[in-house]
Amino acid sequence: MPEKEEMAKNRWLAPVAGTIARSELWRFNRRSVPRGVALGVFAAFIIPLGQTILAVALALPSRANLPLAAVTTLITNPFTVAFWAVIAHKLGQFVLKIDAATTGAANEHVQSTWFQEFAQWAEIAGVAAFGFVVLAVVGAAVGYLVASFAWRFMVARKWGQRPGKLKTPQPAE
């Protein structure tokens, strides 16, 4: 991951160099970490290509953590995209309640074979696209909650391990 100074000097990023160099976008704190995870997961599922650019563009106005938003988009990568496409299609079918009886009744009215094939392809693509939208919204919410709870757990663990922590005396029995 490039440093923020390197990104600010990049000629392609010159219009937003001042915004990218803001320190609150690079800090790890209890507000920016869950936002970065949520935006990264949302961008990963909502568009198939250029999701890192979308995550960074969404992270700028929301003051989310830029590195986390960019890295979290890797949940969908060339190795896992087929898996997520199948999951999105199944989820779209489940949410929209589409089954063989529904498509069979609609296909009886279509006479042309090329139009029927196009209609079947459009149906599959539409159902999968709707599934990706559901995955993006639900995944962003779950990612936000998981990152928030993980942050709280890590901070509580660090506070518990502090050397100067006062011990409460136990009553003698």
N, C-alpha and C. Protein backbone atom coordinates (compact mmCIF):
# COMPACT_ATOMS: atom_id res chain seq x y z
N MET A 1 0.85 -1.18 0.00
CA MET A 1 0.00 0.00 0.00
C MET A 1 0.89 1.24 0.00
N PRO A 2 0.66 2.15 -0.92
CA PRO A 2 1.49 3.35 -0.96
C PRO A 2 1.21 4.27 0.23
N GLU A 3 2.19 5.02 0.60
CA GLU A 3 2.04 5.99 1.69
C GLU A 3 1.22 7.17 1.21
N LYS A 4 0.67 7.93 2.15
CA LYS A 4 -0.18 9.05 1.76
C LYS A 4 0.61 10.15 1.06
N GLU A 5 1.91 10.30 1.40
CA GLU A 5 2.73 11.30 0.74
C GLU A 5 2.97 10.94 -0.73
N GLU A 6 3.16 9.64 -0.99
CA GLU A 6 3.35 9.18 -2.37
C GLU A 6 2.08 9.41 -3.19
N MET A 7 0.94 9.14 -2.58
CA MET A 7 -0.32 9.33 -3.29
C MET A 7 -0.59 10.81 -3.55
N ALA A 8 -0.21 11.68 -2.62
CA ALA A 8 -0.42 13.11 -2.80
C ALA A 8 0.44 13.67 -3.93
N LYS A 9 1.59 13.06 -4.18
CA LYS A 9 2.49 13.52 -5.25
C LYS A 9 2.13 12.95 -6.62
N ASN A 10 1.26 11.98 -6.68
CA ASN A 10 0.87 11.36 -7.95
C ASN A 10 0.13 12.37 -8.81
N ARG A 11 0.50 12.47 -10.08
CA ARG A 11 -0.12 13.48 -10.96
C ARG A 11 -1.57 13.15 -11.28
N TRP A 12 -1.94 11.88 -11.26
CA TRP A 12 -3.33 11.50 -11.55
C TRP A 12 -4.24 11.84 -10.37
N LEU A 13 -3.68 11.89 -9.20
CA LEU A 13 -4.46 12.19 -8.01
C LEU A 13 -4.34 13.66 -7.58
N ALA A 14 -3.76 14.48 -8.41
CA ALA A 14 -3.54 15.88 -8.07
C ALA A 14 -4.84 16.63 -7.71
N PRO A 15 -5.97 16.39 -8.39
CA PRO A 15 -7.18 17.12 -8.00
C PRO A 15 -7.68 16.80 -6.59
N VAL A 16 -7.39 15.61 -6.09
CA VAL A 16 -7.87 15.24 -4.76
C VAL A 16 -6.71 15.02 -3.79
N ALA A 17 -5.53 15.53 -4.12
CA ALA A 17 -4.34 15.28 -3.29
C ALA A 17 -4.51 15.85 -1.89
N GLY A 18 -5.10 17.01 -1.77
CA GLY A 18 -5.30 17.60 -0.44
C GLY A 18 -6.27 16.79 0.40
N THR A 19 -7.28 16.25 -0.24
CA THR A 19 -8.26 15.45 0.48
C THR A 19 -7.67 14.12 0.91
N ILE A 20 -6.91 13.47 0.02
CA ILE A 20 -6.32 12.17 0.34
C ILE A 20 -5.27 12.30 1.44
N ALA A 21 -4.59 13.42 1.53
CA ALA A 21 -3.53 13.59 2.51
C ALA A 21 -4.05 13.91 3.91
N ARG A 22 -5.35 14.07 4.08
CA ARG A 22 -5.89 14.36 5.41
C ARG A 22 -5.58 13.19 6.36
N SER A 23 -5.11 13.52 7.53
CA SER A 23 -4.65 12.47 8.45
C SER A 23 -5.79 11.63 9.01
N GLU A 24 -6.99 12.16 9.12
CA GLU A 24 -8.09 11.36 9.69
C GLU A 24 -8.50 10.21 8.78
N LEU A 25 -8.13 10.27 7.51
CA LEU A 25 -8.45 9.17 6.60
C LEU A 25 -7.47 8.00 6.72
N TRP A 26 -6.38 8.20 7.42
CA TRP A 26 -5.35 7.18 7.53
C TRP A 26 -5.22 6.64 8.95
N ARG A 27 -5.96 7.22 9.90
CA ARG A 27 -5.89 6.77 11.28
C ARG A 27 -6.81 5.58 11.51
N PHE A 28 -6.41 4.76 12.46
CA PHE A 28 -7.25 3.65 12.89
C PHE A 28 -7.89 4.05 14.21
N ASN A 29 -9.18 4.36 14.17
CA ASN A 29 -9.90 4.66 15.40
C ASN A 29 -11.27 3.99 15.37
N ARG A 30 -12.01 4.13 16.44
CA ARG A 30 -13.26 3.37 16.59
C ARG A 30 -14.34 3.78 15.61
N ARG A 31 -14.23 4.94 15.02
CA ARG A 31 -15.24 5.37 14.05
C ARG A 31 -14.83 5.06 12.61
N SER A 32 -13.56 5.28 12.30
CA SER A 32 -13.14 5.13 10.90
C SER A 32 -12.96 3.68 10.47
N VAL A 33 -12.60 2.81 11.40
CA VAL A 33 -12.38 1.40 11.04
C VAL A 33 -13.67 0.72 10.59
N PRO A 34 -14.76 0.78 11.37
CA PRO A 34 -16.00 0.15 10.87
C PRO A 34 -16.54 0.78 9.59
N ARG A 35 -16.37 2.10 9.46
CA ARG A 35 -16.81 2.75 8.23
C ARG A 35 -16.03 2.24 7.02
N GLY A 36 -14.72 2.12 7.18
CA GLY A 36 -13.88 1.62 6.09
C GLY A 36 -14.24 0.21 5.69
N VAL A 37 -14.48 -0.66 6.68
CA VAL A 37 -14.85 -2.04 6.38
C VAL A 37 -16.19 -2.07 5.67
N ALA A 38 -17.17 -1.32 6.18
CA ALA A 38 -18.50 -1.32 5.57
C ALA A 38 -18.46 -0.81 4.13
N LEU A 39 -17.75 0.27 3.89
CA LEU A 39 -17.67 0.82 2.54
C LEU A 39 -16.90 -0.10 1.60
N GLY A 40 -15.88 -0.77 2.10
CA GLY A 40 -15.13 -1.71 1.28
C GLY A 40 -15.97 -2.91 0.87
N VAL A 41 -16.74 -3.46 1.82
CA VAL A 41 -17.60 -4.60 1.50
C VAL A 41 -18.71 -4.17 0.54
N PHE A 42 -19.28 -3.00 0.77
CA PHE A 42 -20.33 -2.50 -0.12
C PHE A 42 -19.80 -2.35 -1.54
N ALA A 43 -18.66 -1.71 -1.69
CA ALA A 43 -18.08 -1.49 -3.02
C ALA A 43 -17.66 -2.80 -3.67
N ALA A 44 -17.23 -3.77 -2.87
CA ALA A 44 -16.80 -5.05 -3.43
C ALA A 44 -17.95 -5.78 -4.11
N PHE A 45 -19.15 -5.68 -3.56
CA PHE A 45 -20.27 -6.42 -4.12
C PHE A 45 -21.11 -5.61 -5.10
N ILE A 46 -21.06 -4.29 -5.04
CA ILE A 46 -21.99 -3.49 -5.85
C ILE A 46 -21.54 -3.37 -7.30
N ILE A 47 -20.24 -3.34 -7.57
CA ILE A 47 -19.76 -3.31 -8.95
C ILE A 47 -18.66 -4.35 -9.14
N PRO A 48 -18.59 -4.97 -10.30
CA PRO A 48 -17.59 -6.03 -10.50
C PRO A 48 -16.17 -5.52 -10.76
N LEU A 49 -16.01 -4.38 -11.38
CA LEU A 49 -14.69 -3.84 -11.70
C LEU A 49 -14.54 -2.44 -11.13
N GLY A 50 -13.37 -2.12 -10.65
CA GLY A 50 -13.10 -0.79 -10.13
C GLY A 50 -13.67 -0.56 -8.74
N GLN A 51 -13.84 -1.65 -7.99
CA GLN A 51 -14.44 -1.49 -6.67
C GLN A 51 -13.52 -0.76 -5.69
N THR A 52 -12.21 -0.84 -5.88
CA THR A 52 -11.29 -0.12 -5.00
C THR A 52 -11.43 1.38 -5.19
N ILE A 53 -11.57 1.80 -6.43
CA ILE A 53 -11.76 3.22 -6.72
C ILE A 53 -13.06 3.71 -6.11
N LEU A 54 -14.12 2.91 -6.23
CA LEU A 54 -15.40 3.29 -5.63
C LEU A 54 -15.29 3.35 -4.11
N ALA A 55 -14.61 2.39 -3.50
CA ALA A 55 -14.47 2.39 -2.03
C ALA A 55 -13.71 3.62 -1.55
N VAL A 56 -12.65 3.98 -2.24
CA VAL A 56 -11.89 5.17 -1.86
C VAL A 56 -12.72 6.43 -2.08
N ALA A 57 -13.48 6.48 -3.18
CA ALA A 57 -14.32 7.64 -3.44
C ALA A 57 -15.42 7.77 -2.38
N LEU A 58 -15.95 6.67 -1.91
CA LEU A 58 -16.96 6.72 -0.85
C LEU A 58 -16.34 7.02 0.51
N ALA A 59 -15.10 6.61 0.72
CA ALA A 59 -14.44 6.83 2.00
C ALA A 59 -14.04 8.28 2.22
N LEU A 60 -13.79 9.00 1.16
CA LEU A 60 -13.34 10.40 1.31
C LEU A 60 -14.37 11.27 2.02
N PRO A 61 -15.63 11.34 1.56
CA PRO A 61 -16.57 12.22 2.26
C PRO A 61 -17.06 11.66 3.59
N SER A 62 -16.98 10.35 3.77
CA SER A 62 -17.49 9.76 5.02
C SER A 62 -16.43 9.64 6.10
N ARG A 63 -15.22 10.08 5.84
CA ARG A 63 -14.10 10.04 6.78
C ARG A 63 -13.82 8.64 7.28
N ALA A 64 -13.91 7.68 6.37
CA ALA A 64 -13.60 6.29 6.70
C ALA A 64 -12.12 6.05 6.48
N ASN A 65 -11.62 4.96 7.03
CA ASN A 65 -10.22 4.61 6.90
C ASN A 65 -9.95 4.16 5.46
N LEU A 66 -9.10 4.91 4.75
CA LEU A 66 -8.82 4.61 3.33
C LEU A 66 -8.15 3.25 3.11
N PRO A 67 -7.10 2.91 3.85
CA PRO A 67 -6.48 1.61 3.60
C PRO A 67 -7.44 0.44 3.83
N LEU A 68 -8.24 0.50 4.87
CA LEU A 68 -9.18 -0.59 5.14
C LEU A 68 -10.27 -0.67 4.07
N ALA A 69 -10.75 0.48 3.61
CA ALA A 69 -11.76 0.48 2.56
C ALA A 69 -11.21 -0.16 1.29
N ALA A 70 -9.96 0.14 0.97
CA ALA A 70 -9.36 -0.41 -0.24
C ALA A 70 -9.06 -1.91 -0.10
N VAL A 71 -8.56 -2.32 1.04
CA VAL A 71 -8.18 -3.72 1.24
C VAL A 71 -9.42 -4.61 1.37
N THR A 72 -10.47 -4.10 1.98
CA THR A 72 -11.67 -4.91 2.18
C THR A 72 -12.36 -5.24 0.87
N THR A 73 -12.12 -4.50 -0.17
CA THR A 73 -12.72 -4.82 -1.47
C THR A 73 -12.18 -6.12 -2.04
N LEU A 74 -11.08 -6.60 -1.50
CA LEU A 74 -10.49 -7.85 -2.01
C LEU A 74 -11.30 -9.09 -1.62
N ILE A 75 -12.40 -8.89 -0.92
CA ILE A 75 -13.29 -10.02 -0.62
C ILE A 75 -13.83 -10.63 -1.92
N THR A 76 -13.98 -9.77 -2.93
CA THR A 76 -14.31 -10.27 -4.27
C THR A 76 -13.07 -10.08 -5.14
N ASN A 77 -12.46 -11.16 -5.52
CA ASN A 77 -11.28 -11.12 -6.37
C ASN A 77 -11.48 -12.15 -7.48
N PRO A 78 -10.59 -12.22 -8.45
CA PRO A 78 -10.79 -13.17 -9.56
C PRO A 78 -10.94 -14.62 -9.13
N PHE A 79 -10.41 -14.98 -7.99
CA PHE A 79 -10.52 -16.36 -7.52
C PHE A 79 -11.86 -16.65 -6.85
N THR A 80 -12.49 -15.63 -6.28
CA THR A 80 -13.73 -15.85 -5.54
C THR A 80 -14.97 -15.32 -6.25
N VAL A 81 -14.82 -14.67 -7.39
CA VAL A 81 -15.97 -14.04 -8.04
C VAL A 81 -17.00 -15.07 -8.50
N ALA A 82 -16.58 -16.24 -8.93
CA ALA A 82 -17.54 -17.27 -9.34
C ALA A 82 -18.35 -17.75 -8.14
N PHE A 83 -17.69 -17.94 -7.02
CA PHE A 83 -18.39 -18.33 -5.79
C PHE A 83 -19.44 -17.29 -5.41
N TRP A 84 -19.04 -16.01 -5.41
CA TRP A 84 -19.98 -14.96 -5.03
C TRP A 84 -21.11 -14.81 -6.04
N ALA A 85 -20.84 -15.08 -7.32
CA ALA A 85 -21.90 -15.00 -8.33
C ALA A 85 -22.95 -16.08 -8.09
N VAL A 86 -22.51 -17.27 -7.74
CA VAL A 86 -23.47 -18.35 -7.43
C VAL A 86 -24.27 -18.00 -6.18
N ILE A 87 -23.59 -17.50 -5.16
CA ILE A 87 -24.28 -17.10 -3.92
C ILE A 87 -25.27 -15.97 -4.21
N ALA A 88 -24.88 -14.99 -5.02
CA ALA A 88 -25.77 -13.88 -5.35
C ALA A 88 -26.99 -14.37 -6.12
N HIS A 89 -26.79 -15.31 -7.05
CA HIS A 89 -27.91 -15.84 -7.82
C HIS A 89 -28.88 -16.59 -6.91
N LYS A 90 -28.36 -17.44 -6.04
CA LYS A 90 -29.20 -18.19 -5.10
C LYS A 90 -29.94 -17.24 -4.16
N LEU A 91 -29.23 -16.22 -3.68
CA LEU A 91 -29.85 -15.25 -2.78
C LEU A 91 -30.93 -14.45 -3.50
N GLY A 92 -30.66 -14.05 -4.74
CA GLY A 92 -31.66 -13.34 -5.53
C GLY A 92 -32.90 -14.18 -5.78
N GLN A 93 -32.70 -15.46 -6.09
CA GLN A 93 -33.84 -16.37 -6.27
C GLN A 93 -34.63 -16.50 -4.99
N PHE A 94 -33.95 -16.61 -3.86
CA PHE A 94 -34.62 -16.77 -2.58
C PHE A 94 -35.43 -15.52 -2.22
N VAL A 95 -34.82 -14.34 -2.38
CA VAL A 95 -35.49 -13.10 -2.00
C VAL A 95 -36.65 -12.80 -2.95
N LEU A 96 -36.44 -13.02 -4.24
CA LEU A 96 -37.49 -12.73 -5.22
C LEU A 96 -38.50 -13.86 -5.38
N LYS A 97 -38.24 -15.00 -4.76
CA LYS A 97 -39.12 -16.17 -4.83
C LYS A 97 -39.31 -16.64 -6.27
N ILE A 98 -38.20 -16.78 -7.00
CA ILE A 98 -38.24 -17.25 -8.38
C ILE A 98 -37.88 -18.73 -8.38
N ASP A 99 -38.75 -19.53 -8.99
CA ASP A 99 -38.49 -20.96 -9.09
C ASP A 99 -38.81 -21.43 -10.51
N ALA A 100 -38.74 -22.73 -10.75
CA ALA A 100 -38.96 -23.28 -12.09
C ALA A 100 -40.39 -23.03 -12.57
N ALA A 101 -41.37 -23.06 -11.68
CA ALA A 101 -42.76 -22.84 -12.08
C ALA A 101 -42.96 -21.42 -12.59
N THR A 102 -42.30 -20.46 -11.97
CA THR A 102 -42.43 -19.06 -12.40
C THR A 102 -41.84 -18.86 -13.78
N THR A 103 -40.66 -19.36 -14.00
CA THR A 103 -40.02 -19.16 -15.31
C THR A 103 -40.68 -20.00 -16.39
N GLY A 104 -41.20 -21.16 -16.04
CA GLY A 104 -41.87 -22.01 -17.04
C GLY A 104 -43.13 -21.36 -17.58
N ALA A 105 -43.92 -20.72 -16.71
CA ALA A 105 -45.14 -20.05 -17.14
C ALA A 105 -44.82 -18.86 -18.03
N ALA A 106 -43.77 -18.15 -17.72
CA ALA A 106 -43.41 -16.99 -18.54
C ALA A 106 -42.85 -17.42 -19.89
N ASN A 107 -42.13 -18.53 -19.96
CA ASN A 107 -41.52 -18.97 -21.21
C ASN A 107 -42.52 -19.59 -22.17
N GLU A 108 -43.69 -20.00 -21.72
CA GLU A 108 -44.70 -20.58 -22.61
C GLU A 108 -45.22 -19.56 -23.62
N HIS A 109 -45.22 -18.29 -23.27
CA HIS A 109 -45.76 -17.26 -24.14
C HIS A 109 -44.76 -16.78 -25.19
N VAL A 110 -43.51 -17.14 -25.06
CA VAL A 110 -42.48 -16.68 -25.98
C VAL A 110 -42.29 -17.75 -27.05
N GLN A 111 -42.41 -17.36 -28.34
CA GLN A 111 -42.33 -18.31 -29.44
C GLN A 111 -40.93 -18.37 -30.06
N SER A 112 -40.26 -17.25 -30.17
CA SER A 112 -38.97 -17.19 -30.83
C SER A 112 -37.87 -17.79 -29.95
N THR A 113 -36.99 -18.58 -30.55
CA THR A 113 -35.95 -19.25 -29.77
C THR A 113 -34.85 -18.28 -29.34
N TRP A 114 -34.46 -17.35 -30.22
CA TRP A 114 -33.41 -16.41 -29.84
C TRP A 114 -33.90 -15.47 -28.77
N PHE A 115 -35.16 -15.07 -28.85
CA PHE A 115 -35.72 -14.18 -27.82
C PHE A 115 -35.88 -14.93 -26.49
N GLN A 116 -36.21 -16.19 -26.57
CA GLN A 116 -36.36 -16.99 -25.36
C GLN A 116 -35.00 -17.15 -24.66
N GLU A 117 -33.96 -17.39 -25.45
CA GLU A 117 -32.62 -17.51 -24.86
C GLU A 117 -32.17 -16.19 -24.25
N PHE A 118 -32.46 -15.09 -24.92
CA PHE A 118 -32.12 -13.77 -24.38
C PHE A 118 -32.90 -13.50 -23.10
N ALA A 119 -34.17 -13.85 -23.09
CA ALA A 119 -34.99 -13.64 -21.90
C ALA A 119 -34.48 -14.46 -20.72
N GLN A 120 -34.06 -15.69 -20.97
CA GLN A 120 -33.51 -16.52 -19.90
C GLN A 120 -32.21 -15.94 -19.37
N TRP A 121 -31.35 -15.48 -20.28
CA TRP A 121 -30.09 -14.87 -19.85
C TRP A 121 -30.36 -13.60 -19.04
N ALA A 122 -31.31 -12.77 -19.51
CA ALA A 122 -31.63 -11.52 -18.81
C ALA A 122 -32.21 -11.82 -17.43
N GLU A 123 -33.00 -12.87 -17.33
CA GLU A 123 -33.56 -13.23 -16.03
C GLU A 123 -32.47 -13.66 -15.06
N ILE A 124 -31.55 -14.51 -15.52
CA ILE A 124 -30.47 -14.97 -14.67
C ILE A 124 -29.59 -13.79 -14.25
N ALA A 125 -29.26 -12.91 -15.19
CA ALA A 125 -28.42 -11.75 -14.88
C ALA A 125 -29.13 -10.81 -13.92
N GLY A 126 -30.42 -10.59 -14.11
CA GLY A 126 -31.17 -9.70 -13.22
C GLY A 126 -31.27 -10.24 -11.81
N VAL A 127 -31.52 -11.53 -11.71
CA VAL A 127 -31.61 -12.15 -10.38
C VAL A 127 -30.26 -12.08 -9.68
N ALA A 128 -29.18 -12.36 -10.40
CA ALA A 128 -27.85 -12.29 -9.80
C ALA A 128 -27.50 -10.85 -9.42
N ALA A 129 -27.86 -9.88 -10.26
CA ALA A 129 -27.59 -8.48 -9.94
C ALA A 129 -28.34 -8.06 -8.68
N PHE A 130 -29.59 -8.49 -8.56
CA PHE A 130 -30.34 -8.18 -7.34
C PHE A 130 -29.71 -8.85 -6.14
N GLY A 131 -29.22 -10.07 -6.31
CA GLY A 131 -28.52 -10.76 -5.23
C GLY A 131 -27.26 -10.03 -4.81
N PHE A 132 -26.53 -9.46 -5.77
CA PHE A 132 -25.34 -8.68 -5.43
C PHE A 132 -25.70 -7.41 -4.66
N VAL A 133 -26.81 -6.78 -4.99
CA VAL A 133 -27.25 -5.60 -4.25
C VAL A 133 -27.58 -5.99 -2.81
N VAL A 134 -28.29 -7.10 -2.64
CA VAL A 134 -28.61 -7.57 -1.29
C VAL A 134 -27.33 -7.91 -0.53
N LEU A 135 -26.38 -8.59 -1.19
CA LEU A 135 -25.10 -8.90 -0.55
C LEU A 135 -24.35 -7.64 -0.16
N ALA A 136 -24.40 -6.62 -1.00
CA ALA A 136 -23.70 -5.37 -0.71
C ALA A 136 -24.28 -4.69 0.52
N VAL A 137 -25.58 -4.58 0.59
CA VAL A 137 -26.22 -3.87 1.70
C VAL A 137 -26.08 -4.66 3.00
N VAL A 138 -26.42 -5.94 2.95
CA VAL A 138 -26.33 -6.76 4.17
C VAL A 138 -24.88 -6.96 4.58
N GLY A 139 -23.99 -7.18 3.61
CA GLY A 139 -22.58 -7.36 3.92
C GLY A 139 -21.96 -6.11 4.54
N ALA A 140 -22.36 -4.93 4.07
CA ALA A 140 -21.85 -3.69 4.65
C ALA A 140 -22.31 -3.54 6.09
N ALA A 141 -23.56 -3.86 6.37
CA ALA A 141 -24.07 -3.76 7.74
C ALA A 141 -23.38 -4.76 8.66
N VAL A 142 -23.24 -5.98 8.18
CA VAL A 142 -22.57 -7.01 9.00
C VAL A 142 -21.09 -6.65 9.19
N GLY A 143 -20.44 -6.18 8.14
CA GLY A 143 -19.04 -5.76 8.25
C GLY A 143 -18.85 -4.64 9.24
N TYR A 144 -19.77 -3.68 9.24
CA TYR A 144 -19.70 -2.57 10.20
C TYR A 144 -19.81 -3.09 11.63
N LEU A 145 -20.80 -3.96 11.87
CA LEU A 145 -21.00 -4.48 13.22
C LEU A 145 -19.83 -5.35 13.68
N VAL A 146 -19.34 -6.22 12.81
CA VAL A 146 -18.22 -7.09 13.17
C VAL A 146 -16.96 -6.25 13.46
N ALA A 147 -16.68 -5.27 12.62
CA ALA A 147 -15.50 -4.43 12.83
C ALA A 147 -15.64 -3.61 14.12
N SER A 148 -16.84 -3.14 14.40
CA SER A 148 -17.07 -2.37 15.62
C SER A 148 -16.87 -3.24 16.87
N PHE A 149 -17.43 -4.45 16.86
CA PHE A 149 -17.25 -5.35 18.00
C PHE A 149 -15.80 -5.81 18.12
N ALA A 150 -15.14 -6.07 17.02
CA ALA A 150 -13.73 -6.47 17.07
C ALA A 150 -12.88 -5.33 17.63
N TRP A 151 -13.18 -4.10 17.24
CA TRP A 151 -12.43 -2.95 17.76
C TRP A 151 -12.62 -2.85 19.27
N ARG A 152 -13.86 -2.98 19.72
CA ARG A 152 -14.12 -2.90 21.16
C ARG A 152 -13.41 -4.02 21.92
N PHE A 153 -13.42 -5.22 21.36
CA PHE A 153 -12.76 -6.36 22.00
C PHE A 153 -11.26 -6.12 22.11
N MET A 154 -10.64 -5.64 21.03
CA MET A 154 -9.20 -5.39 21.05
C MET A 154 -8.83 -4.31 22.05
N VAL A 155 -9.62 -3.24 22.11
CA VAL A 155 -9.33 -2.15 23.04
C VAL A 155 -9.52 -2.63 24.48
N ALA A 156 -10.57 -3.40 24.74
CA ALA A 156 -10.79 -3.92 26.10
C ALA A 156 -9.67 -4.86 26.52
N ARG A 157 -9.18 -5.66 25.59
CA ARG A 157 -8.07 -6.57 25.90
C ARG A 157 -6.80 -5.79 26.21
N LYS A 158 -6.53 -4.74 25.45
CA LYS A 158 -5.33 -3.93 25.71
C LYS A 158 -5.44 -3.22 27.05
N TRP A 159 -6.62 -2.72 27.38
CA TRP A 159 -6.80 -2.06 28.67
C TRP A 159 -6.65 -3.06 29.81
N GLY A 160 -7.07 -4.29 29.60
CA GLY A 160 -6.94 -5.31 30.64
C GLY A 160 -5.51 -5.74 30.87
N GLN A 161 -4.64 -5.57 29.88
CA GLN A 161 -3.25 -5.98 29.98
C GLN A 161 -2.32 -4.86 30.43
N ARG A 162 -2.86 -3.70 30.72
CA ARG A 162 -2.01 -2.59 31.16
C ARG A 162 -1.32 -2.93 32.47
N PRO A 163 -0.04 -2.55 32.61
CA PRO A 163 0.67 -2.92 33.84
C PRO A 163 0.22 -2.14 35.07
N GLY A 164 -0.26 -0.96 34.93
CA GLY A 164 -0.64 -0.13 36.08
C GLY A 164 -2.09 -0.28 36.47
N LYS A 165 -2.72 -1.32 36.02
CA LYS A 165 -4.13 -1.51 36.30
C LYS A 165 -4.33 -1.82 37.79
N LEU A 166 -5.26 -1.12 38.41
CA LEU A 166 -5.55 -1.36 39.82
C LEU A 166 -6.36 -2.62 39.98
N LYS A 167 -5.94 -3.45 40.89
CA LYS A 167 -6.66 -4.68 41.18
C LYS A 167 -7.65 -4.41 42.30
N THR A 168 -8.84 -4.90 42.16
CA THR A 168 -9.80 -4.75 43.24
C THR A 168 -9.55 -5.87 44.25
N PRO A 169 -9.48 -5.51 45.49
CA PRO A 169 -9.21 -6.54 46.50
C PRO A 169 -10.39 -7.48 46.65
N GLN A 170 -10.09 -8.75 46.77
CA GLN A 170 -11.11 -9.76 46.97
C GLN A 170 -11.37 -9.90 48.46
N PRO A 171 -12.63 -10.07 48.85
CA PRO A 171 -12.91 -10.23 50.28
C PRO A 171 -12.31 -11.53 50.81
N ALA A 172 -11.74 -11.43 51.98
CA ALA A 172 -11.13 -12.62 52.60
C ALA A 172 -12.23 -13.52 53.15
N GLU A 173 -12.06 -14.78 52.94
CA GLU A 173 -13.08 -15.72 53.43
C GLU A 173 -12.50 -16.62 54.46
